[in-house]
Amino acid sequence: MSECTHDCGSCSQTCSDRTEPQNQFAELNAMSKVKKVIGVVSGKGGVGKSLVTSMLSVLLNRRGYRTAVLDADITGPSIPKAFGIKEKAKGNDLGIFPAESKTGIQIMSINLLLPNDTDPVVWRGPIIAGTVKQFWSDVIWTDVDYMFVDMPPGTGDVPLTVFQSIPLDGIVVVTSPQDLVSMIVSKAVKMAKMMDIPVIGVVENYSYLSCPDCGKKIALFGESKVDAVAAQYSLPVLAQIPIDPQLARVCDQGVVELFEGDYMDGAADVIENFPAQ
């Protein structure tokens, strides 16, 4: 039997002095109230996490819930741009106040604290991770029914910090139709399982393009494999988002709250009833 190191978190032995590891969740600001927290993740960048995060927050907001977005993608923040938010966040001795979108969605992003939107965030991992924790503990979130966390891509320091510091109720995995889909989903799902966080389902972006003349669906990136990959992990496919110039336009113009289309309604239905009643 190996010598006890008194580190119960890394020890598999059972003894009278053993204590269960305490959770490492950062403490929510005393003036905040958040009911459910959903992470939006991917195994790689550029697949549309911010788009899915924005659309989910808008859809649940349209259904009468108070929603919020915590932009944890510190080095690639795009949430303020999608919502057309240009003013900076303010605060006082009690905490930081998130910005609000035109329809009342509460938003916190590093771009709301930087002097200029185009200033790069050239920080090392621990500082970025600490900033994400502060977005949870220092920001005053008011009566939020659903908070969506736009996660940084991959499985490195910052995603790990989010998983360990913020009490996520579940995650949505975002992917694309390319051959990398299996790797993308696998990485995200395995990390969630390691952190003991439920995976709600998979959203595929860039699924197809609808011909403006005949309406035929054109698979620009090849035939989708998302159904087969999701089935490997017994996960539902929540939505398949097409390449939609109108959707890209409203994001570029900062009016994502005006987007039209029902392709994310099913995903909103699942999240609204998650966990299953």
Protein backbone atom coordinates (compact mmCIF):
# COMPACT_ATOMS: atom_id res chain seq x y z
CA MET A 1 0.00 0.00 0.00
CA SER A 2 1.45 3.37 -1.01
CA GLU A 3 2.23 6.02 1.60
CA CYS A 4 -0.58 8.48 2.24
CA THR A 5 0.06 11.94 0.77
CA HIS A 6 -2.97 13.46 2.54
CA ASP A 7 -4.26 14.61 -0.83
CA CYS A 8 -7.69 12.97 -0.94
CA GLY A 9 -8.39 14.44 -4.38
CA SER A 10 -5.74 12.26 -6.02
CA CYS A 11 -5.84 9.23 -3.71
CA SER A 12 -7.86 6.08 -4.40
CA GLN A 13 -7.41 4.60 -0.92
CA THR A 14 -10.11 4.58 1.74
CA CYS A 15 -9.13 5.50 5.27
CA SER A 16 -10.62 7.06 8.40
CA ASP A 17 -9.10 10.45 7.60
CA ARG A 18 -10.46 10.60 4.06
CA THR A 19 -12.51 13.66 3.14
CA GLU A 20 -14.48 14.10 -0.06
CA PRO A 21 -13.16 16.87 -2.33
CA GLN A 22 -15.15 20.09 -2.15
CA ASN A 23 -16.52 21.65 -5.33
CA GLN A 24 -14.44 24.48 -6.74
CA PHE A 25 -17.32 26.60 -7.99
CA ALA A 26 -16.73 30.31 -7.78
CA GLU A 27 -19.24 32.04 -5.55
CA LEU A 28 -22.03 33.85 -7.35
CA ASN A 29 -22.31 37.55 -6.53
CA ALA A 30 -24.55 38.01 -3.50
CA MET A 31 -26.88 40.25 -5.52
CA SER A 32 -27.17 37.83 -8.44
CA LYS A 33 -29.81 35.23 -9.14
CA VAL A 34 -29.31 32.66 -11.89
CA LYS A 35 -31.56 29.60 -12.24
CA LYS A 36 -30.09 27.53 -15.09
CA VAL A 37 -26.68 27.74 -16.78
CA ILE A 38 -26.11 26.16 -20.20
CA GLY A 39 -22.64 25.97 -21.76
CA VAL A 40 -22.25 26.10 -25.56
CA VAL A 41 -19.07 24.24 -26.50
CA SER A 42 -17.07 22.80 -29.36
CA GLY A 43 -13.91 20.78 -29.78
CA LYS A 44 -12.55 23.39 -32.21
CA GLY A 45 -13.06 27.01 -33.17
CA GLY A 46 -14.97 28.48 -36.08
CA VAL A 47 -18.05 26.25 -36.00
CA GLY A 48 -20.56 28.84 -34.75
CA LYS A 49 -20.69 28.66 -30.96
CA SER A 50 -21.38 32.37 -30.63
CA LEU A 51 -24.16 32.16 -33.22
CA VAL A 52 -25.85 29.27 -31.41
CA THR A 53 -25.39 31.01 -28.04
CA SER A 54 -26.98 34.19 -29.39
CA MET A 55 -29.89 32.40 -31.04
CA LEU A 56 -30.72 30.33 -27.95
CA SER A 57 -30.69 33.39 -25.70
CA VAL A 58 -32.95 35.24 -28.14
CA LEU A 59 -35.40 32.35 -28.55
CA LEU A 60 -35.81 31.77 -24.80
CA ASN A 61 -36.14 35.53 -24.34
CA ARG A 62 -38.95 35.56 -26.93
CA ARG A 63 -40.72 32.90 -24.85
CA GLY A 64 -40.85 35.22 -21.87
CA TYR A 65 -37.77 34.11 -19.93
CA ARG A 66 -35.06 36.44 -18.66
CA THR A 67 -31.90 35.34 -20.43
CA ALA A 68 -28.23 36.25 -20.21
CA VAL A 69 -25.00 35.55 -22.09
CA LEU A 70 -21.66 35.16 -20.34
CA ASP A 71 -19.05 35.46 -23.08
CA ALA A 72 -16.24 33.21 -21.87
CA ASP A 73 -14.43 33.30 -25.22
CA ILE A 74 -12.04 35.98 -23.94
CA THR A 75 -9.63 36.03 -26.89
CA GLY A 76 -12.37 35.89 -29.54
CA PRO A 77 -15.39 37.77 -28.18
CA SER A 78 -18.14 38.28 -30.75
CA ILE A 79 -21.32 38.42 -28.67
CA PRO A 80 -21.43 42.26 -28.31
CA LYS A 81 -21.05 42.62 -32.08
CA ALA A 82 -23.97 40.29 -32.77
CA PHE A 83 -26.22 42.25 -30.39
CA GLY A 84 -25.00 45.67 -31.51
CA ILE A 85 -23.77 46.63 -28.04
CA LYS A 86 -21.24 49.45 -28.09
CA GLU A 87 -21.47 50.95 -24.59
CA LYS A 88 -19.07 49.77 -21.90
CA ALA A 89 -20.01 47.88 -18.76
CA LYS A 90 -20.30 49.92 -15.58
CA GLY A 91 -19.98 49.04 -11.92
CA ASN A 92 -19.70 50.18 -8.34
CA ASP A 93 -18.49 48.81 -5.01
CA LEU A 94 -21.10 46.04 -5.19
CA GLY A 95 -20.03 44.64 -8.57
CA ILE A 96 -20.13 45.02 -12.35
CA PHE A 97 -23.39 45.59 -14.19
CA PRO A 98 -23.82 43.67 -17.46
CA ALA A 99 -24.91 45.47 -20.59
CA GLU A 100 -28.45 44.88 -21.82
CA SER A 101 -29.52 44.23 -25.38
CA LYS A 102 -32.48 45.95 -27.01
CA THR A 103 -34.82 43.19 -25.79
CA GLY A 104 -33.35 43.02 -22.29
CA ILE A 105 -30.83 40.16 -22.62
CA GLN A 106 -28.04 40.65 -20.06
CA ILE A 107 -24.56 40.37 -21.60
CA MET A 108 -21.05 40.36 -20.20
CA SER A 109 -18.00 40.19 -22.48
CA ILE A 110 -14.39 41.32 -22.32
CA ASN A 111 -15.12 43.73 -25.18
CA LEU A 112 -17.38 45.66 -22.79
CA LEU A 113 -14.32 46.38 -20.63
CA LEU A 114 -11.65 47.10 -23.26
CA PRO A 115 -11.01 50.69 -24.43
CA ASN A 116 -11.46 49.60 -28.06
CA ASP A 117 -13.31 46.60 -29.51
CA THR A 118 -10.34 45.76 -31.73
CA ASP A 119 -7.77 45.67 -28.91
CA PRO A 120 -6.28 42.15 -28.74
CA VAL A 121 -6.35 40.24 -25.47
CA VAL A 122 -2.70 39.16 -25.17
CA TRP A 123 -2.96 37.43 -21.82
CA ARG A 124 -1.69 34.14 -20.49
CA GLY A 125 -4.05 31.31 -19.61
CA PRO A 126 -4.34 31.88 -15.84
CA ILE A 127 -5.30 35.55 -16.31
CA ILE A 128 -7.91 34.65 -18.92
CA ALA A 129 -9.29 31.91 -16.68
CA GLY A 130 -9.45 34.33 -13.76
CA THR A 131 -11.40 36.82 -15.87
CA VAL A 132 -14.01 34.18 -16.68
CA LYS A 133 -14.45 33.45 -12.98
CA GLN A 134 -14.90 37.17 -12.32
CA PHE A 135 -17.65 37.31 -14.93
CA TRP A 136 -19.50 34.83 -12.73
CA SER A 137 -18.67 36.16 -9.28
CA ASP A 138 -18.23 39.93 -9.77
CA VAL A 139 -21.04 40.64 -12.25
CA ILE A 140 -24.52 41.34 -10.88
CA TRP A 141 -26.87 39.09 -12.86
CA THR A 142 -30.50 40.07 -12.20
CA ASP A 143 -33.17 37.34 -11.99
CA VAL A 144 -31.81 35.24 -14.86
CA ASP A 145 -33.87 32.21 -15.88
CA TYR A 146 -31.39 30.93 -18.48
CA MET A 147 -27.74 31.93 -18.75
CA PHE A 148 -25.87 30.76 -21.84
CA VAL A 149 -22.08 30.57 -21.60
CA ASP A 150 -20.25 31.05 -24.90
CA MET A 151 -17.30 28.77 -24.20
CA PRO A 152 -13.80 29.12 -25.66
CA PRO A 153 -12.96 26.37 -28.15
CA GLY A 154 -11.00 23.25 -27.32
CA THR A 155 -10.25 21.52 -24.04
CA GLY A 156 -7.50 23.71 -22.54
CA ASP A 157 -7.12 25.89 -19.45
CA VAL A 158 -10.05 28.23 -19.98
CA PRO A 159 -12.73 25.63 -20.86
CA LEU A 160 -11.53 23.60 -17.88
CA THR A 161 -11.85 26.67 -15.64
CA VAL A 162 -15.43 27.21 -16.83
CA PHE A 163 -16.34 23.59 -16.15
CA GLN A 164 -14.79 23.72 -12.67
CA SER A 165 -15.78 27.25 -11.64
CA ILE A 166 -19.31 27.74 -12.99
CA PRO A 167 -22.10 25.30 -12.04
CA LEU A 168 -23.22 24.30 -15.53
CA ASP A 169 -26.54 22.45 -15.67
CA GLY A 170 -25.72 21.06 -19.10
CA ILE A 171 -23.91 21.73 -22.36
CA VAL A 172 -24.82 21.99 -26.03
CA VAL A 173 -22.17 20.77 -28.49
CA VAL A 174 -21.83 22.72 -31.75
CA THR A 175 -20.30 21.10 -34.81
CA SER A 176 -20.21 21.23 -38.62
CA PRO A 177 -20.75 18.68 -41.44
CA GLN A 178 -17.08 18.16 -42.26
CA ASP A 179 -15.14 14.97 -41.56
CA LEU A 180 -13.81 16.55 -38.37
CA VAL A 181 -17.29 16.25 -36.87
CA SER A 182 -16.55 12.97 -35.09
CA MET A 183 -13.42 14.39 -33.45
CA ILE A 184 -15.16 17.65 -32.50
CA VAL A 185 -18.09 15.94 -30.81
CA SER A 186 -15.91 13.28 -29.18
CA LYS A 187 -13.60 15.80 -27.54
CA ALA A 188 -16.44 17.89 -26.16
CA VAL A 189 -18.50 14.94 -24.94
CA LYS A 190 -15.55 13.22 -23.27
CA MET A 191 -14.53 16.41 -21.48
CA ALA A 192 -18.10 16.91 -20.24
CA LYS A 193 -18.20 13.35 -18.94
CA MET A 194 -14.90 13.86 -17.12
CA MET A 195 -16.45 16.92 -15.45
CA ASP A 196 -19.72 15.04 -14.77
CA ILE A 197 -21.82 17.56 -16.74
CA PRO A 198 -24.83 16.39 -18.80
CA VAL A 199 -24.69 16.84 -22.57
CA ILE A 200 -28.07 18.13 -23.76
CA GLY A 201 -27.50 17.48 -27.45
CA VAL A 202 -25.73 18.48 -30.65
CA VAL A 203 -26.34 21.43 -32.98
CA GLU A 204 -24.89 21.27 -36.50
CA ASN A 205 -24.05 24.57 -38.19
CA TYR A 206 -23.41 25.12 -41.93
CA SER A 207 -25.61 22.08 -42.60
CA TYR A 208 -26.83 23.05 -46.07
CA LEU A 209 -27.67 25.89 -48.41
CA SER A 210 -31.20 26.28 -49.76
CA CYS A 211 -31.31 27.15 -53.46
CA PRO A 212 -33.07 30.52 -53.74
CA ASP A 213 -34.79 29.40 -56.96
CA CYS A 214 -36.00 25.85 -56.35
CA GLY A 215 -35.51 25.41 -52.59
CA LYS A 216 -33.33 22.32 -53.00
CA LYS A 217 -30.94 21.72 -50.10
CA ILE A 218 -27.31 21.75 -51.24
CA ALA A 219 -24.73 20.12 -48.94
CA LEU A 220 -21.77 22.44 -49.56
CA PHE A 221 -19.52 20.64 -47.07
CA GLY A 222 -20.64 17.12 -47.94
CA GLU A 223 -23.39 14.97 -46.54
CA SER A 224 -24.02 15.41 -42.85
CA LYS A 225 -22.73 12.76 -40.46
CA VAL A 226 -24.15 14.37 -37.35
CA ASP A 227 -26.94 11.82 -36.85
CA ALA A 228 -24.54 8.88 -36.83
CA VAL A 229 -22.01 10.61 -34.59
CA ALA A 230 -24.66 11.78 -32.12
CA ALA A 231 -26.07 8.25 -32.01
CA GLN A 232 -22.66 6.93 -30.90
CA TYR A 233 -23.11 8.88 -27.69
CA SER A 234 -26.91 8.47 -27.47
CA LEU A 235 -27.39 12.22 -27.97
CA PRO A 236 -30.20 13.99 -29.79
CA VAL A 237 -29.52 16.28 -32.73
CA LEU A 238 -31.14 19.50 -31.54
CA ALA A 239 -30.91 21.49 -34.77
CA GLN A 240 -29.28 21.77 -38.19
CA ILE A 241 -28.63 25.40 -39.10
CA PRO A 242 -28.35 26.23 -42.81
CA ILE A 243 -25.99 28.70 -44.43
CA ASP A 244 -28.39 31.62 -44.41
CA PRO A 245 -27.26 35.00 -45.80
CA GLN A 246 -30.07 36.72 -43.89
CA LEU A 247 -28.85 35.26 -40.60
CA ALA A 248 -25.28 36.34 -41.35
CA ARG A 249 -26.57 39.80 -42.20
CA VAL A 250 -28.41 40.36 -38.91
CA CYS A 251 -25.33 39.25 -36.96
CA ASP A 252 -23.05 41.57 -38.93
CA GLN A 253 -25.47 44.45 -38.42
CA GLY A 254 -25.76 43.82 -34.68
CA VAL A 255 -29.44 42.93 -34.77
CA VAL A 256 -29.36 39.17 -34.14
CA GLU A 257 -32.52 39.63 -32.06
CA LEU A 258 -34.39 40.17 -35.35
CA PHE A 259 -33.41 36.84 -36.90
CA GLU A 260 -36.15 34.79 -38.53
CA GLY A 261 -36.39 31.06 -39.07
CA ASP A 262 -37.58 28.04 -37.09
CA TYR A 263 -34.54 25.78 -37.37
CA MET A 264 -33.54 26.35 -33.71
CA ASP A 265 -37.04 26.00 -32.25
CA GLY A 266 -36.52 22.33 -31.43
CA ALA A 267 -33.31 23.11 -29.55
CA ALA A 268 -35.11 25.79 -27.56
CA ASP A 269 -37.89 23.31 -26.73
CA VAL A 270 -35.40 20.80 -25.32
CA ILE A 271 -33.54 23.40 -23.26
CA GLU A 272 -36.79 24.89 -21.95
CA ASN A 273 -37.71 21.44 -20.57
CA PHE A 274 -34.22 20.43 -19.44
CA PRO A 275 -33.85 18.51 -17.25
CA ALA A 276 -36.86 16.46 -18.27
CA GLN A 277 -39.79 17.08 -15.99
